[in-house]
PDB file of all heavy atoms in Angstrom:
ATOM      1  N   ASP A   1      -2.778  10.916 -14.738  1.00  0.00           N
ATOM      2  CA  ASP A   1      -3.504  11.512 -15.843  1.00  0.00           C
ATOM      3  C   ASP A   1      -4.992  11.435 -15.529  1.00  0.00           C
ATOM      4  O   ASP A   1      -5.534  10.337 -15.355  1.00  0.00           O
ATOM      5  CB  ASP A   1      -3.180  10.765 -17.136  1.00  0.00           C
ATOM      6  CG  ASP A   1      -3.877  11.342 -18.348  1.00  0.00           C
ATOM      7  OD1 ASP A   1      -4.616  12.333 -18.198  1.00  0.00           O
ATOM      8  OD2 ASP A   1      -3.671  10.808 -19.445  1.00  0.00           O
ATOM      9  N   PRO A   2      -5.683  12.577 -15.448  1.00  0.00           N
ATOM     10  CA  PRO A   2      -7.117  12.558 -15.110  1.00  0.00           C
ATOM     11  C   PRO A   2      -7.949  11.695 -16.055  1.00  0.00           C
ATOM     12  O   PRO A   2      -8.973  11.158 -15.660  1.00  0.00           O
ATOM     13  CB  PRO A   2      -7.543  14.021 -15.221  1.00  0.00           C
ATOM     14  CG  PRO A   2      -6.303  14.815 -15.182  1.00  0.00           C
ATOM     15  CD  PRO A   2      -5.197  13.928 -15.664  1.00  0.00           C
ATOM     16  N   ASP A   3      -7.494  11.531 -17.284  1.00  0.00           N
ATOM     17  CA  ASP A   3      -8.249  10.738 -18.250  1.00  0.00           C
ATOM     18  C   ASP A   3      -8.154   9.237 -17.989  1.00  0.00           C
ATOM     19  O   ASP A   3      -8.995   8.474 -18.456  1.00  0.00           O
ATOM     20  CB  ASP A   3      -7.765  11.030 -19.683  1.00  0.00           C
ATOM     21  CG  ASP A   3      -8.009  12.473 -20.082  1.00  0.00           C
ATOM     22  OD1 ASP A   3      -8.971  13.084 -19.556  1.00  0.00           O
ATOM     23  OD2 ASP A   3      -7.243  13.003 -20.900  1.00  0.00           O
ATOM     24  N   THR A   4      -7.140   8.805 -17.255  1.00  0.00           N
ATOM     25  CA  THR A   4      -6.969   7.369 -17.021  1.00  0.00           C
ATOM     26  C   THR A   4      -7.206   6.958 -15.569  1.00  0.00           C
ATOM     27  O   THR A   4      -7.091   5.774 -15.252  1.00  0.00           O
ATOM     28  CB  THR A   4      -5.561   6.921 -17.438  1.00  0.00           C
ATOM     29  OG1 THR A   4      -4.603   7.589 -16.610  1.00  0.00           O
ATOM     30  CG2 THR A   4      -5.287   7.193 -18.901  1.00  0.00           C
ATOM     31  N   VAL A   5      -7.550   7.900 -14.714  1.00  0.00           N
ATOM     32  CA  VAL A   5      -7.720   7.579 -13.293  1.00  0.00           C
ATOM     33  C   VAL A   5      -8.795   6.511 -13.091  1.00  0.00           C
ATOM     34  O   VAL A   5      -8.599   5.554 -12.349  1.00  0.00           O
ATOM     35  CB  VAL A   5      -8.045   8.850 -12.477  1.00  0.00           C
ATOM     36  CG1 VAL A   5      -8.495   8.508 -11.077  1.00  0.00           C
ATOM     37  CG2 VAL A   5      -6.834   9.763 -12.427  1.00  0.00           C
ATOM     38  N   GLU A   6      -9.937   6.643 -13.772  1.00  0.00           N
ATOM     39  CA  GLU A   6     -11.012   5.672 -13.610  1.00  0.00           C
ATOM     40  C   GLU A   6     -10.556   4.278 -14.028  1.00  0.00           C
ATOM     41  O   GLU A   6     -10.755   3.300 -13.313  1.00  0.00           O
ATOM     42  CB  GLU A   6     -12.245   6.074 -14.410  1.00  0.00           C
ATOM     43  CG  GLU A   6     -13.392   5.088 -14.271  1.00  0.00           C
ATOM     44  CD  GLU A   6     -14.604   5.474 -15.086  1.00  0.00           C
ATOM     45  OE1 GLU A   6     -14.518   6.338 -15.972  1.00  0.00           O
ATOM     46  OE2 GLU A   6     -15.658   4.879 -14.830  1.00  0.00           O
ATOM     47  N   ARG A   7      -9.920   4.186 -15.192  1.00  0.00           N
ATOM     48  CA  ARG A   7      -9.453   2.894 -15.694  1.00  0.00           C
ATOM     49  C   ARG A   7      -8.410   2.296 -14.748  1.00  0.00           C
ATOM     50  O   ARG A   7      -8.438   1.102 -14.460  1.00  0.00           O
ATOM     51  CB  ARG A   7      -8.867   3.047 -17.093  1.00  0.00           C
ATOM     52  CG  ARG A   7      -8.409   1.733 -17.698  1.00  0.00           C
ATOM     53  CD  ARG A   7      -7.888   1.954 -19.124  1.00  0.00           C
ATOM     54  NE  ARG A   7      -7.545   0.721 -19.778  1.00  0.00           N
ATOM     55  CZ  ARG A   7      -6.364   0.134 -19.717  1.00  0.00           C
ATOM     56  NH1 ARG A   7      -5.388   0.674 -19.012  1.00  0.00           N
ATOM     57  NH2 ARG A   7      -6.139  -0.987 -20.359  1.00  0.00           N
ATOM     58  N   ASP A   8      -7.506   3.126 -14.245  1.00  0.00           N
ATOM     59  CA  ASP A   8      -6.476   2.632 -13.333  1.00  0.00           C
ATOM     60  C   ASP A   8      -7.081   2.150 -12.016  1.00  0.00           C
ATOM     61  O   ASP A   8      -6.635   1.147 -11.455  1.00  0.00           O
ATOM     62  CB  ASP A   8      -5.425   3.704 -13.076  1.00  0.00           C
ATOM     63  CG  ASP A   8      -4.587   4.008 -14.311  1.00  0.00           C
ATOM     64  OD1 ASP A   8      -4.587   3.184 -15.257  1.00  0.00           O
ATOM     65  OD2 ASP A   8      -3.954   5.088 -14.342  1.00  0.00           O
ATOM     66  N   LEU A   9      -8.103   2.858 -11.538  1.00  0.00           N
ATOM     67  CA  LEU A   9      -8.779   2.437 -10.309  1.00  0.00           C
ATOM     68  C   LEU A   9      -9.492   1.107 -10.531  1.00  0.00           C
ATOM     69  O   LEU A   9      -9.407   0.193  -9.700  1.00  0.00           O
ATOM     70  CB  LEU A   9      -9.766   3.503  -9.848  1.00  0.00           C
ATOM     71  CG  LEU A   9     -10.553   3.174  -8.585  1.00  0.00           C
ATOM     72  CD1 LEU A   9      -9.634   2.929  -7.403  1.00  0.00           C
ATOM     73  CD2 LEU A   9     -11.537   4.290  -8.281  1.00  0.00           C
ATOM     74  N   VAL A  10     -10.173   0.974 -11.657  1.00  0.00           N
ATOM     75  CA  VAL A  10     -10.850  -0.284 -11.987  1.00  0.00           C
ATOM     76  C   VAL A  10      -9.823  -1.409 -12.088  1.00  0.00           C
ATOM     77  O   VAL A  10     -10.050  -2.517 -11.591  1.00  0.00           O
ATOM     78  CB  VAL A  10     -11.665  -0.148 -13.291  1.00  0.00           C
ATOM     79  CG1 VAL A  10     -12.122  -1.501 -13.802  1.00  0.00           C
ATOM     80  CG2 VAL A  10     -12.856   0.765 -13.076  1.00  0.00           C
ATOM     81  N   LYS A  11      -8.686  -1.128 -12.693  1.00  0.00           N
ATOM     82  CA  LYS A  11      -7.627  -2.133 -12.825  1.00  0.00           C
ATOM     83  C   LYS A  11      -7.168  -2.609 -11.451  1.00  0.00           C
ATOM     84  O   LYS A  11      -7.013  -3.820 -11.215  1.00  0.00           O
ATOM     85  CB  LYS A  11      -6.458  -1.551 -13.607  1.00  0.00           C
ATOM     86  CG  LYS A  11      -5.321  -2.503 -13.828  1.00  0.00           C
ATOM     87  CD  LYS A  11      -4.220  -1.836 -14.643  1.00  0.00           C
ATOM     88  CE  LYS A  11      -3.007  -2.705 -14.764  1.00  0.00           C
ATOM     89  NZ  LYS A  11      -1.940  -2.059 -15.531  1.00  0.00           N
ATOM     90  N   LEU A  12      -6.966  -1.685 -10.519  1.00  0.00           N
ATOM     91  CA  LEU A  12      -6.536  -2.045  -9.174  1.00  0.00           C
ATOM     92  C   LEU A  12      -7.594  -2.880  -8.458  1.00  0.00           C
ATOM     93  O   LEU A  12      -7.290  -3.920  -7.862  1.00  0.00           O
ATOM     94  CB  LEU A  12      -6.216  -0.783  -8.364  1.00  0.00           C
ATOM     95  CG  LEU A  12      -5.832  -1.005  -6.911  1.00  0.00           C
ATOM     96  CD1 LEU A  12      -4.564  -1.840  -6.804  1.00  0.00           C
ATOM     97  CD2 LEU A  12      -5.661   0.337  -6.213  1.00  0.00           C
ATOM     98  N   VAL A  13      -8.845  -2.444  -8.540  1.00  0.00           N
ATOM     99  CA  VAL A  13      -9.933  -3.176  -7.876  1.00  0.00           C
ATOM    100  C   VAL A  13     -10.080  -4.577  -8.476  1.00  0.00           C
ATOM    101  O   VAL A  13     -10.209  -5.566  -7.747  1.00  0.00           O
ATOM    102  CB  VAL A  13     -11.259  -2.383  -7.968  1.00  0.00           C
ATOM    103  CG1 VAL A  13     -12.438  -3.229  -7.513  1.00  0.00           C
ATOM    104  CG2 VAL A  13     -11.168  -1.102  -7.152  1.00  0.00           C
ATOM    105  N   LEU A  14     -10.037  -4.668  -9.799  1.00  0.00           N
ATOM    106  CA  LEU A  14     -10.162  -5.976 -10.439  1.00  0.00           C
ATOM    107  C   LEU A  14      -8.978  -6.882 -10.106  1.00  0.00           C
ATOM    108  O   LEU A  14      -9.143  -8.103  -9.992  1.00  0.00           O
ATOM    109  CB  LEU A  14     -10.303  -5.824 -11.958  1.00  0.00           C
ATOM    110  CG  LEU A  14     -11.629  -5.249 -12.446  1.00  0.00           C
ATOM    111  CD1 LEU A  14     -11.628  -5.133 -13.966  1.00  0.00           C
ATOM    112  CD2 LEU A  14     -12.810  -6.059 -11.968  1.00  0.00           C
ATOM    113  N   THR A  15      -7.808  -6.315  -9.919  1.00  0.00           N
ATOM    114  CA  THR A  15      -6.644  -7.106  -9.519  1.00  0.00           C
ATOM    115  C   THR A  15      -6.877  -7.729  -8.146  1.00  0.00           C
ATOM    116  O   THR A  15      -6.623  -8.927  -7.940  1.00  0.00           O
ATOM    117  CB  THR A  15      -5.368  -6.237  -9.509  1.00  0.00           C
ATOM    118  OG1 THR A  15      -5.131  -5.760 -10.832  1.00  0.00           O
ATOM    119  CG2 THR A  15      -4.164  -7.016  -9.015  1.00  0.00           C
ATOM    120  N   VAL A  16      -7.383  -6.947  -7.216  1.00  0.00           N
ATOM    121  CA  VAL A  16      -7.662  -7.462  -5.863  1.00  0.00           C
ATOM    122  C   VAL A  16      -8.759  -8.530  -5.926  1.00  0.00           C
ATOM    123  O   VAL A  16      -8.641  -9.590  -5.302  1.00  0.00           O
ATOM    124  CB  VAL A  16      -8.045  -6.313  -4.907  1.00  0.00           C
ATOM    125  CG1 VAL A  16      -8.536  -6.854  -3.575  1.00  0.00           C
ATOM    126  CG2 VAL A  16      -6.872  -5.370  -4.710  1.00  0.00           C
ATOM    127  N   VAL A  17      -9.819  -8.264  -6.696  1.00  0.00           N
ATOM    128  CA  VAL A  17     -10.905  -9.242  -6.820  1.00  0.00           C
ATOM    129  C   VAL A  17     -10.395 -10.531  -7.466  1.00  0.00           C
ATOM    130  O   VAL A  17     -10.751 -11.630  -7.036  1.00  0.00           O
ATOM    131  CB  VAL A  17     -12.093  -8.646  -7.612  1.00  0.00           C
ATOM    132  CG1 VAL A  17     -13.130  -9.711  -7.935  1.00  0.00           C
ATOM    133  CG2 VAL A  17     -12.729  -7.502  -6.837  1.00  0.00           C
ATOM    134  N   GLU A  18      -9.551 -10.407  -8.479  1.00  0.00           N
ATOM    135  CA  GLU A  18      -8.998 -11.597  -9.136  1.00  0.00           C
ATOM    136  C   GLU A  18      -8.133 -12.404  -8.170  1.00  0.00           C
ATOM    137  O   GLU A  18      -8.189 -13.636  -8.161  1.00  0.00           O
ATOM    138  CB  GLU A  18      -8.194 -11.213 -10.379  1.00  0.00           C
ATOM    139  CG  GLU A  18      -7.546 -12.371 -11.095  1.00  0.00           C
ATOM    140  CD  GLU A  18      -8.522 -13.418 -11.641  1.00  0.00           C
ATOM    141  OE1 GLU A  18      -9.734 -13.144 -11.750  1.00  0.00           O
ATOM    142  OE2 GLU A  18      -8.064 -14.529 -11.952  1.00  0.00           O
ATOM    143  N   LEU A  19      -7.345 -11.731  -7.359  1.00  0.00           N
ATOM    144  CA  LEU A  19      -6.537 -12.430  -6.355  1.00  0.00           C
ATOM    145  C   LEU A  19      -7.444 -13.204  -5.402  1.00  0.00           C
ATOM    146  O   LEU A  19      -7.218 -14.388  -5.138  1.00  0.00           O
ATOM    147  CB  LEU A  19      -5.671 -11.434  -5.584  1.00  0.00           C
ATOM    148  CG  LEU A  19      -4.861 -12.006  -4.419  1.00  0.00           C
ATOM    149  CD1 LEU A  19      -3.845 -13.029  -4.913  1.00  0.00           C
ATOM    150  CD2 LEU A  19      -4.183 -10.891  -3.655  1.00  0.00           C
ATOM    151  N   LEU A  20      -8.494 -12.565  -4.920  1.00  0.00           N
ATOM    152  CA  LEU A  20      -9.429 -13.229  -4.011  1.00  0.00           C
ATOM    153  C   LEU A  20     -10.165 -14.373  -4.703  1.00  0.00           C
ATOM    154  O   LEU A  20     -10.378 -15.433  -4.114  1.00  0.00           O
ATOM    155  CB  LEU A  20     -10.432 -12.222  -3.449  1.00  0.00           C
ATOM    156  CG  LEU A  20      -9.836 -11.164  -2.528  1.00  0.00           C
ATOM    157  CD1 LEU A  20     -10.880 -10.118  -2.167  1.00  0.00           C
ATOM    158  CD2 LEU A  20      -9.256 -11.808  -1.277  1.00  0.00           C
ATOM    159  N   ARG A  21     -10.536 -14.183  -5.973  1.00  0.00           N
ATOM    160  CA  ARG A  21     -11.223 -15.244  -6.728  1.00  0.00           C
ATOM    161  C   ARG A  21     -10.335 -16.477  -6.839  1.00  0.00           C
ATOM    162  O   ARG A  21     -10.776 -17.601  -6.620  1.00  0.00           O
ATOM    163  CB  ARG A  21     -11.615 -14.757  -8.118  1.00  0.00           C
ATOM    164  CG  ARG A  21     -12.469 -15.767  -8.895  1.00  0.00           C
ATOM    165  CD  ARG A  21     -12.545 -15.442 -10.366  1.00  0.00           C
ATOM    166  NE  ARG A  21     -11.266 -15.623 -11.044  1.00  0.00           N
ATOM    167  CZ  ARG A  21     -10.743 -16.814 -11.371  1.00  0.00           C
ATOM    168  NH1 ARG A  21     -11.378 -17.931 -11.084  1.00  0.00           N
ATOM    169  NH2 ARG A  21      -9.579 -16.894 -11.976  1.00  0.00           N
ATOM    170  N   GLN A  22      -9.063 -16.252  -7.157  1.00  0.00           N
ATOM    171  CA  GLN A  22      -8.139 -17.377  -7.285  1.00  0.00           C
ATOM    172  C   GLN A  22      -7.920 -18.084  -5.949  1.00  0.00           C
ATOM    173  O   GLN A  22      -7.837 -19.310  -5.892  1.00  0.00           O
ATOM    174  CB  GLN A  22      -6.808 -16.924  -7.883  1.00  0.00           C
ATOM    175  CG  GLN A  22      -6.910 -16.593  -9.350  1.00  0.00           C
ATOM    176  CD  GLN A  22      -5.562 -16.296  -9.972  1.00  0.00           C
ATOM    177  OE1 GLN A  22      -4.516 -16.664  -9.444  1.00  0.00           O
ATOM    178  NE2 GLN A  22      -5.584 -15.637 -11.115  1.00  0.00           N
ATOM    179  N   LEU A  23      -7.846 -17.317  -4.869  1.00  0.00           N
ATOM    180  CA  LEU A  23      -7.691 -17.928  -3.544  1.00  0.00           C
ATOM    181  C   LEU A  23      -8.924 -18.755  -3.180  1.00  0.00           C
ATOM    182  O   LEU A  23      -8.805 -19.872  -2.656  1.00  0.00           O
ATOM    183  CB  LEU A  23      -7.441 -16.854  -2.483  1.00  0.00           C
ATOM    184  CG  LEU A  23      -6.094 -16.141  -2.559  1.00  0.00           C
ATOM    185  CD1 LEU A  23      -6.061 -14.966  -1.582  1.00  0.00           C
ATOM    186  CD2 LEU A  23      -4.957 -17.100  -2.292  1.00  0.00           C
ATOM    187  N   MET A  24     -10.115 -18.213  -3.464  1.00  0.00           N
ATOM    188  CA  MET A  24     -11.354 -18.946  -3.188  1.00  0.00           C
ATOM    189  C   MET A  24     -11.426 -20.223  -4.025  1.00  0.00           C
ATOM    190  O   MET A  24     -11.869 -21.266  -3.540  1.00  0.00           O
ATOM    191  CB  MET A  24     -12.568 -18.055  -3.482  1.00  0.00           C
ATOM    192  CG  MET A  24     -12.751 -16.944  -2.473  1.00  0.00           C
ATOM    193  SD  MET A  24     -14.010 -15.701  -2.896  1.00  0.00           S
ATOM    194  CE  MET A  24     -15.201 -16.548  -3.847  1.00  0.00           C
TER     195      MET A  24
END
């Protein structure tokens, strides 16, 4: 859905950052 692409991309990026934060 073009209306949710930005939010979904942010969700994916934040998921990766959160994984790295927890590992650190």
